[in-house]
Protein backbone atom coordinates (compact mmCIF):
# COMPACT_ATOMS: atom_id res chain seq x y z
CA MET A 1 -166.25 -214.13 108.88
CA VAL A 2 -163.25 -216.42 108.75
CA THR A 3 -160.01 -215.01 107.56
CA ALA A 4 -157.88 -218.04 106.85
CA THR A 5 -158.61 -221.19 104.95
CA VAL A 6 -159.10 -223.89 107.54
CA SER A 7 -157.31 -226.48 105.45
CA ASP A 8 -154.19 -224.32 105.66
CA LEU A 9 -154.25 -224.10 109.44
CA ALA A 10 -151.60 -225.86 111.43
CA ALA A 11 -151.74 -223.78 114.56
CA PRO A 12 -154.59 -221.32 113.95
CA ALA A 13 -153.77 -217.65 113.60
CA GLU A 14 -156.17 -216.42 116.24
CA GLY A 15 -158.36 -213.36 116.17
CA SER A 16 -159.25 -211.62 119.41
CA SER A 17 -161.94 -214.26 120.01
CA GLY A 18 -159.45 -217.14 120.14
CA TRP A 19 -160.83 -218.52 116.86
CA PRO A 20 -159.15 -217.82 113.49
CA ILE A 21 -161.90 -215.28 112.82
CA TRP A 22 -161.66 -211.50 112.77
CA GLY A 23 -164.38 -208.93 113.27
CA HIS A 24 -167.21 -211.25 114.37
CA ASP A 25 -166.45 -211.50 118.06
CA ALA A 26 -170.12 -211.40 119.13
CA ALA A 27 -171.07 -214.32 116.87
CA VAL A 28 -168.06 -216.35 118.00
CA ALA A 29 -168.72 -215.55 121.66
CA ALA A 30 -172.31 -216.80 121.38
CA LEU A 31 -171.15 -220.17 120.04
CA GLN A 32 -168.29 -220.44 122.52
CA GLN A 33 -170.68 -219.77 125.39
CA ALA A 34 -173.06 -222.42 124.08
CA ILE A 35 -170.24 -224.99 123.98
CA ARG A 36 -168.99 -224.07 127.46
CA GLY A 37 -172.49 -224.23 128.91
CA SER A 38 -173.47 -227.45 127.10
CA ARG A 39 -176.27 -225.54 125.39
CA VAL A 40 -175.35 -226.24 121.78
CA ARG A 41 -178.41 -225.97 119.54
CA HIS A 42 -179.11 -228.65 116.97
CA ALA A 43 -179.67 -226.24 114.09
CA TYR A 44 -177.86 -223.00 113.23
CA LEU A 45 -178.45 -220.71 110.28
CA VAL A 46 -175.32 -218.72 109.44
CA ALA A 47 -176.39 -215.87 107.18
CA GLY A 48 -174.58 -213.00 105.52
CA PRO A 49 -173.56 -211.60 102.16
CA GLU A 50 -171.51 -213.68 99.74
CA GLY A 51 -167.82 -213.51 100.54
CA MET A 52 -168.16 -213.31 104.33
CA GLY A 53 -166.45 -216.70 104.73
CA LYS A 54 -169.47 -218.59 106.04
CA THR A 55 -168.15 -222.00 105.01
CA THR A 56 -164.92 -221.56 106.94
CA PHE A 57 -166.87 -220.19 109.90
CA ALA A 58 -168.86 -223.42 109.99
CA GLN A 59 -165.70 -225.51 109.72
CA VAL A 60 -164.09 -223.68 112.63
CA PHE A 61 -167.27 -224.21 114.67
CA ALA A 62 -167.01 -227.92 113.87
CA GLN A 63 -163.39 -227.90 115.04
CA ALA A 64 -164.42 -226.29 118.32
CA LEU A 65 -167.04 -229.00 118.83
CA CYS A 66 -164.83 -231.95 117.89
CA CYS A 67 -161.34 -230.88 119.01
CA GLN A 68 -159.58 -233.63 120.98
CA ASP A 69 -157.34 -231.29 122.97
CA PRO A 70 -159.02 -227.86 123.28
CA PRO A 71 -156.97 -225.20 125.12
CA ALA A 72 -160.22 -224.25 126.87
CA PRO A 73 -163.91 -225.10 126.38
CA GLY A 74 -165.17 -223.50 123.18
CA LEU A 75 -161.71 -223.28 121.61
CA MET A 76 -159.85 -225.57 119.22
CA CYS A 77 -156.18 -226.47 119.17
CA GLY A 78 -155.96 -226.67 115.36
CA VAL A 79 -153.28 -229.37 115.48
CA CYS A 80 -154.95 -232.50 116.86
CA LEU A 81 -156.05 -235.27 114.51
CA ALA A 82 -159.70 -234.18 114.61
CA CYS A 83 -158.90 -230.53 113.82
CA ARG A 84 -156.61 -231.51 110.97
CA LYS A 85 -159.15 -233.93 109.51
CA ILE A 86 -161.87 -231.28 109.60
CA GLY A 87 -159.51 -228.81 107.97
CA ARG A 88 -158.88 -231.26 105.14
CA GLY A 89 -162.55 -232.16 104.85
CA VAL A 90 -162.05 -235.85 105.73
CA HIS A 91 -163.44 -236.14 109.26
CA PRO A 92 -166.06 -238.94 109.31
CA ASP A 93 -168.33 -236.99 111.66
CA VAL A 94 -168.28 -233.67 109.75
CA GLN A 95 -169.99 -233.74 106.37
CA ALA A 96 -170.54 -230.83 104.00
CA PHE A 97 -173.17 -230.54 101.28
CA SER A 98 -173.32 -227.77 98.70
CA LEU A 99 -173.83 -227.03 95.03
CA ALA A 100 -170.25 -228.18 94.52
CA THR A 101 -170.88 -231.60 96.09
CA GLN A 102 -174.06 -231.88 94.07
CA ALA A 103 -172.24 -231.03 90.82
CA ALA A 104 -171.23 -234.59 89.94
CA LEU A 105 -174.81 -235.82 90.15
CA ALA A 106 -176.05 -232.80 88.19
CA GLU A 107 -173.49 -233.53 85.47
CA LYS A 108 -174.71 -237.10 85.12
CA SER A 109 -178.35 -236.04 84.94
CA GLY A 110 -177.73 -233.10 82.64
CA GLY A 111 -179.00 -230.61 85.22
CA LYS A 112 -177.76 -227.05 85.51
CA ASN A 113 -176.85 -227.42 89.21
CA THR A 114 -178.17 -223.97 90.10
CA SER A 115 -180.22 -225.06 93.11
CA LEU A 116 -180.00 -227.63 95.88
CA THR A 117 -182.45 -230.41 95.11
CA ILE A 118 -184.60 -232.70 97.21
CA GLU A 119 -182.18 -235.53 96.41
CA THR A 120 -179.37 -233.63 98.14
CA VAL A 121 -181.60 -232.93 101.16
CA ARG A 122 -182.44 -236.64 101.35
CA ASP A 123 -178.70 -237.34 101.48
CA VAL A 124 -178.43 -234.78 104.30
CA CYS A 125 -181.25 -236.45 106.22
CA SER A 126 -179.65 -239.88 105.78
CA THR A 127 -176.34 -238.56 107.08
CA VAL A 128 -178.01 -236.90 110.08
CA ALA A 129 -179.39 -240.28 111.17
CA LEU A 130 -175.90 -241.80 111.50
CA ARG A 131 -174.28 -241.83 114.92
CA PRO A 132 -170.85 -240.14 115.21
CA MET A 133 -167.84 -242.42 114.93
CA GLU A 134 -164.96 -240.45 116.47
CA SER A 135 -166.55 -237.45 118.16
CA SER A 136 -169.47 -236.83 120.47
CA TRP A 137 -171.09 -234.73 117.74
CA ARG A 138 -172.02 -235.24 114.11
CA VAL A 139 -171.81 -231.89 112.32
CA VAL A 140 -173.60 -231.51 108.99
CA ILE A 141 -172.92 -228.33 107.00
CA LEU A 142 -175.39 -227.42 104.24
CA ASP A 143 -173.96 -224.58 102.13
CA ASP A 144 -175.72 -222.53 99.41
CA GLY A 145 -178.93 -222.68 101.44
CA GLU A 146 -180.42 -219.76 99.50
CA THR A 147 -180.62 -222.05 96.45
CA LEU A 148 -182.74 -224.73 98.15
CA GLN A 149 -185.81 -225.57 96.12
CA GLU A 150 -189.03 -225.12 98.08
CA ILE A 151 -189.79 -228.84 98.02
CA ALA A 152 -186.26 -229.46 99.30
CA GLN A 153 -186.80 -227.01 102.16
CA GLU A 154 -190.00 -228.78 103.10
CA ALA A 155 -188.14 -232.10 103.11
CA LEU A 156 -185.55 -230.59 105.48
CA LEU A 157 -188.19 -229.51 107.99
CA LYS A 158 -188.66 -232.93 109.60
CA THR A 159 -184.95 -233.16 110.39
CA LEU A 160 -185.02 -229.64 111.85
CA GLU A 161 -188.09 -230.49 113.94
CA GLU A 162 -186.86 -233.85 115.28
CA PRO A 163 -183.05 -233.91 115.11
CA PRO A 164 -181.09 -236.67 116.84
CA PRO A 165 -179.50 -235.40 120.08
CA PHE A 166 -175.95 -235.83 118.75
CA VAL A 167 -176.41 -233.74 115.56
CA VAL A 168 -175.55 -230.12 114.83
CA LEU A 169 -176.89 -228.97 111.47
CA VAL A 170 -175.30 -225.74 110.17
CA LEU A 171 -177.20 -224.17 107.28
CA LEU A 172 -175.37 -221.43 105.36
CA SER A 173 -177.22 -218.83 103.28
CA ASP A 174 -176.39 -215.60 101.47
CA ASP A 175 -180.03 -214.44 101.66
CA LEU A 176 -182.38 -215.24 104.55
CA GLU A 177 -185.44 -214.09 102.61
CA LEU A 178 -185.10 -217.00 100.18
CA LEU A 179 -185.66 -219.51 102.98
CA LEU A 180 -189.10 -220.49 104.25
CA PRO A 181 -190.16 -218.87 107.56
CA THR A 182 -190.57 -222.38 108.97
CA ILE A 183 -186.91 -223.10 108.22
CA ARG A 184 -185.73 -219.84 109.80
CA SER A 185 -187.85 -220.31 112.92
CA ARG A 186 -186.29 -223.70 113.67
CA CYS A 187 -182.70 -222.44 113.59
CA GLN A 188 -180.67 -220.14 115.76
CA ILE A 189 -179.67 -217.39 113.36
CA ILE A 190 -176.06 -216.22 113.34
CA ASP A 191 -176.08 -213.04 111.29
CA LEU A 192 -172.66 -212.10 109.88
CA ARG A 193 -172.32 -208.59 108.54
CA PRO A 194 -169.38 -206.75 106.95
CA VAL A 195 -166.54 -206.09 109.37
CA ARG A 196 -164.15 -203.18 109.88
CA THR A 197 -161.47 -202.75 107.22
CA THR A 198 -158.80 -202.97 109.92
CA ALA A 199 -160.10 -206.42 110.88
CA VAL A 200 -159.78 -207.57 107.27
CA VAL A 201 -156.23 -206.19 107.14
CA ASP A 202 -155.34 -208.04 110.34
CA SER A 203 -156.72 -211.29 108.92
CA LEU A 204 -154.69 -210.91 105.73
CA LEU A 205 -151.53 -210.10 107.66
CA ALA A 206 -152.07 -213.23 109.78
CA ALA A 207 -152.28 -215.23 106.54
CA GLY A 208 -148.87 -213.91 105.45
CA ILE A 209 -150.00 -211.17 103.04
CA GLY A 210 -147.77 -208.07 102.91
CA GLN A 211 -148.94 -204.84 104.51
CA ASP A 212 -149.45 -202.81 101.32
CA ARG A 213 -151.28 -205.57 99.48
CA ALA A 214 -153.37 -206.37 102.55
CA GLU A 215 -154.52 -202.76 102.80
CA GLU A 216 -155.29 -202.61 99.08
CA ILE A 217 -157.38 -205.78 99.11
CA ALA A 218 -159.10 -204.88 102.39
CA ALA A 219 -160.19 -201.54 100.94
CA LEU A 220 -161.83 -203.38 98.03
CA SER A 221 -163.38 -206.11 100.16
CA GLY A 222 -166.35 -204.18 101.47
CA GLY A 223 -165.71 -205.69 104.89
CA ARG A 224 -165.88 -209.29 103.60
CA PRO A 225 -162.92 -211.32 104.86
CA GLY A 226 -163.82 -214.39 102.82
CA TRP A 227 -163.74 -212.39 99.60
CA ALA A 228 -160.48 -210.73 100.67
CA HIS A 229 -158.71 -214.05 101.09
CA ARG A 230 -159.98 -215.35 97.77
CA ALA A 231 -158.75 -212.16 96.13
CA ALA A 232 -155.34 -212.54 97.75
CA ALA A 233 -155.09 -216.07 96.35
CA ASP A 234 -156.66 -215.49 92.92
CA PRO A 235 -155.99 -212.36 90.79
CA LYS A 236 -159.14 -213.09 88.77
CA VAL A 237 -161.25 -212.26 91.81
CA LEU A 238 -159.75 -208.76 91.93
CA GLN A 239 -160.21 -208.42 88.18
CA ARG A 240 -163.91 -209.21 88.45
CA ARG A 241 -164.30 -206.60 91.19
CA MET A 242 -162.67 -203.93 89.04
CA GLU A 243 -164.92 -204.89 86.13
CA ALA A 244 -167.90 -204.36 88.44
CA VAL A 245 -166.53 -200.93 89.37
CA ASP A 246 -166.20 -200.06 85.67
CA ARG A 247 -169.84 -201.08 85.13
CA ALA A 248 -170.91 -198.86 88.02
CA LEU A 249 -168.94 -195.88 86.69
CA SER A 250 -170.36 -196.37 83.19
CA TRP A 251 -173.88 -196.51 84.63
CA ILE A 252 -173.33 -193.29 86.56
CA ALA A 253 -171.75 -191.61 83.52
CA GLY A 254 -174.66 -192.43 81.22
CA SER A 255 -177.40 -190.11 80.06
CA GLY A 256 -180.77 -190.22 81.77
CA TYR A 257 -182.05 -192.55 79.06
CA GLU A 258 -179.00 -194.84 79.27
CA ARG A 259 -179.32 -195.03 83.03
CA LEU A 260 -182.98 -196.08 82.74
CA VAL A 261 -182.16 -198.70 80.12
CA THR A 262 -179.61 -200.26 82.48
CA ALA A 263 -182.11 -200.14 85.34
CA VAL A 264 -184.78 -201.85 83.23
CA ARG A 265 -182.35 -204.55 82.08
CA LEU A 266 -181.28 -205.33 85.63
CA GLY A 267 -184.88 -205.26 86.83
CA ASP A 268 -186.00 -207.71 84.16
CA THR A 269 -183.22 -210.17 85.02
CA PHE A 270 -183.41 -209.77 88.81
CA SER A 271 -185.31 -212.98 89.53
CA LYS A 272 -182.68 -215.04 87.69
CA ARG A 273 -179.62 -213.03 88.75
CA ARG A 274 -180.57 -211.90 92.25
CA PRO A 275 -177.08 -212.36 93.87
CA GLU A 276 -175.31 -210.71 90.91
CA VAL A 277 -177.67 -207.71 90.93
CA PHE A 278 -177.21 -207.21 94.67
CA ALA A 279 -173.43 -207.45 94.22
CA ASP A 280 -173.52 -204.80 91.47
CA LEU A 281 -175.64 -202.53 93.64
CA GLU A 282 -173.21 -202.88 96.57
CA THR A 283 -170.37 -201.90 94.23
CA LEU A 284 -172.44 -199.00 92.92
CA LEU A 285 -173.06 -197.85 96.48
CA GLY A 286 -169.32 -197.89 97.14
CA VAL A 287 -168.65 -195.76 94.07
CA TRP A 288 -171.23 -193.14 95.11
CA ARG A 289 -169.77 -193.11 98.63
CA ASP A 290 -166.32 -192.50 97.14
CA ALA A 291 -167.71 -189.54 95.20
CA LEU A 292 -169.11 -188.18 98.48
CA LEU A 293 -165.76 -188.66 100.22
CA LEU A 294 -163.91 -186.90 97.41
CA HIS A 295 -166.29 -183.96 97.67
CA ALA A 296 -165.63 -183.88 101.43
CA ASP A 297 -161.86 -183.91 100.77
CA GLN A 298 -161.39 -187.28 102.48
CA PRO A 299 -159.47 -189.30 99.83
CA HIS A 300 -157.78 -191.54 102.41
CA TYR A 301 -161.09 -193.31 103.07
CA LEU A 302 -161.83 -194.19 99.44
CA THR A 303 -162.73 -197.78 98.59
CA TYR A 304 -161.79 -197.61 94.89
CA ARG A 305 -158.77 -195.32 95.01
CA GLY A 306 -157.63 -196.12 91.49
CA ASN A 307 -160.76 -194.47 90.09
CA ALA A 308 -160.49 -191.20 92.00
CA GLU A 309 -159.52 -189.11 88.94
CA ARG A 310 -162.34 -190.47 86.81
CA LEU A 311 -164.85 -190.03 89.61
CA ASN A 312 -163.64 -186.47 90.27
CA GLU A 313 -164.27 -185.61 86.62
CA LEU A 314 -167.77 -187.01 86.82
CA ALA A 315 -168.68 -185.30 90.07
CA ARG A 316 -167.10 -181.89 89.50
CA ASP A 317 -170.46 -180.05 89.20
CA TRP A 318 -172.36 -182.01 91.84
CA THR A 319 -173.12 -180.72 95.31
CA MET A 320 -172.85 -182.58 98.59
CA ASP A 321 -176.67 -182.82 98.60
CA ASP A 322 -176.60 -184.36 95.11
CA LEU A 323 -174.17 -187.04 96.20
CA HIS A 324 -175.93 -187.72 99.48
CA ARG A 325 -179.21 -188.17 97.62
CA ALA A 326 -177.55 -190.62 95.22
CA VAL A 327 -176.09 -192.68 98.08
CA CYS A 328 -179.48 -192.80 99.79
CA SER A 329 -181.19 -193.82 96.54
CA VAL A 330 -179.00 -196.92 96.23
CA GLN A 331 -179.52 -197.84 99.88
CA THR A 332 -183.26 -197.42 99.45
CA CYS A 333 -183.25 -199.54 96.29
CA ILE A 334 -181.39 -202.37 98.04
CA GLY A 335 -183.89 -202.23 100.89
CA HIS A 336 -186.83 -202.29 98.47
CA LEU A 337 -185.44 -205.29 96.60
CA GLU A 338 -184.93 -207.14 99.88
CA THR A 339 -188.61 -206.55 100.73
CA ASN A 340 -189.84 -207.72 97.32
CA VAL A 341 -190.75 -204.38 95.73
CA ARG A 342 -191.03 -204.80 91.97
CA PRO A 343 -187.39 -204.82 90.78
CA ARG A 344 -187.86 -202.61 87.73
CA LEU A 345 -189.75 -200.00 89.77
CA ALA A 346 -187.12 -200.00 92.53
CA LEU A 347 -184.23 -199.60 90.09
CA GLU A 348 -185.93 -196.96 87.93
CA SER A 349 -186.81 -194.92 91.02
CA MET A 350 -183.18 -195.13 92.12
CA VAL A 351 -181.61 -193.73 88.95
CA LEU A 352 -184.16 -190.91 88.77
CA GLU A 353 -182.68 -189.61 92.03
CA TRP A 354 -179.17 -189.31 90.61
CA PRO A 355 -177.69 -185.94 89.64
CA THR A 356 -177.39 -185.38 85.91
CA ILE A 357 -174.13 -185.30 83.97
CA SER A 358 -173.04 -182.02 82.39
CA PRO A 359 -172.20 -182.57 78.69
CA PRO A 360 -168.45 -181.76 79.02
CA GLY A 361 -168.22 -184.28 81.85
CA ARG A 362 -169.46 -187.27 79.88
CA LEU A 363 -166.98 -190.12 79.76
């Protein structure tokens, strides 16, 4: 998604689309065409894995709608008062709601603040009813949409069905399947998927990151520009990724029994830790792919280059077919979990497809 933090933009570092976004030209083009043709929808659902930069994408869209001096229809200048206010989060016609904005209320009530409540949706609906003050549009961004309680989603439906003509509601969600079909059907879906590594590198370079560090972070990003920019700004983000890689390697290196125990544990906690389990599986998939690339003598394409020696030791007796089967097993498991197959069954079936570890190769 977006590669630079909007609040840091003076003159935007443009991607090929003319927006400060890299690798999502089709999504940007669709919105730009809607603005140029005066066919802006009143509800958009921006969906994609965590770390794609969906929040910044929505902010840039708001800038394109509200910019006072656009270079061309569908673009933003990034330097006018409206663009700068949106970048700082203080524009009166662009409001954002999320778990973070709900946190203060949750703290007062003693709640855990793990889901968006009906009270937050009521605040959204109240805001939607207000006419814009400085722009021709009122843009309301609702982040963390995958955490919306069902009753909160139902409360949001009326606004989606009968929105005021001056409102654009942008709902952001990591997981479409956690939203009611009636919510999805009333929004134009903008699906953001991982982008090319080169696009992530370009976005980091535009943000002032050095070439070597940009390539290192981009390789670890899994095609997620939002994650890449957080990692560039916060070393703890990189540390958590490497801890996830270590967990994946330990899982692969375990005995058949140890692998099943891990699968059962993840399966039993899936309903409460759905995003974390998916994130671990994506990391696991990257590790198996690296093993396949090492076997094919293609080390330049590795995602986790620092673990090549350890992975080589693990995979020394495995065939290309073994590794291909393991990669496919993780992809199949992710697909099964997305379609609501029983988590424990999906994860157990996955590990049973993995090649076994020879005793001397145990880590």
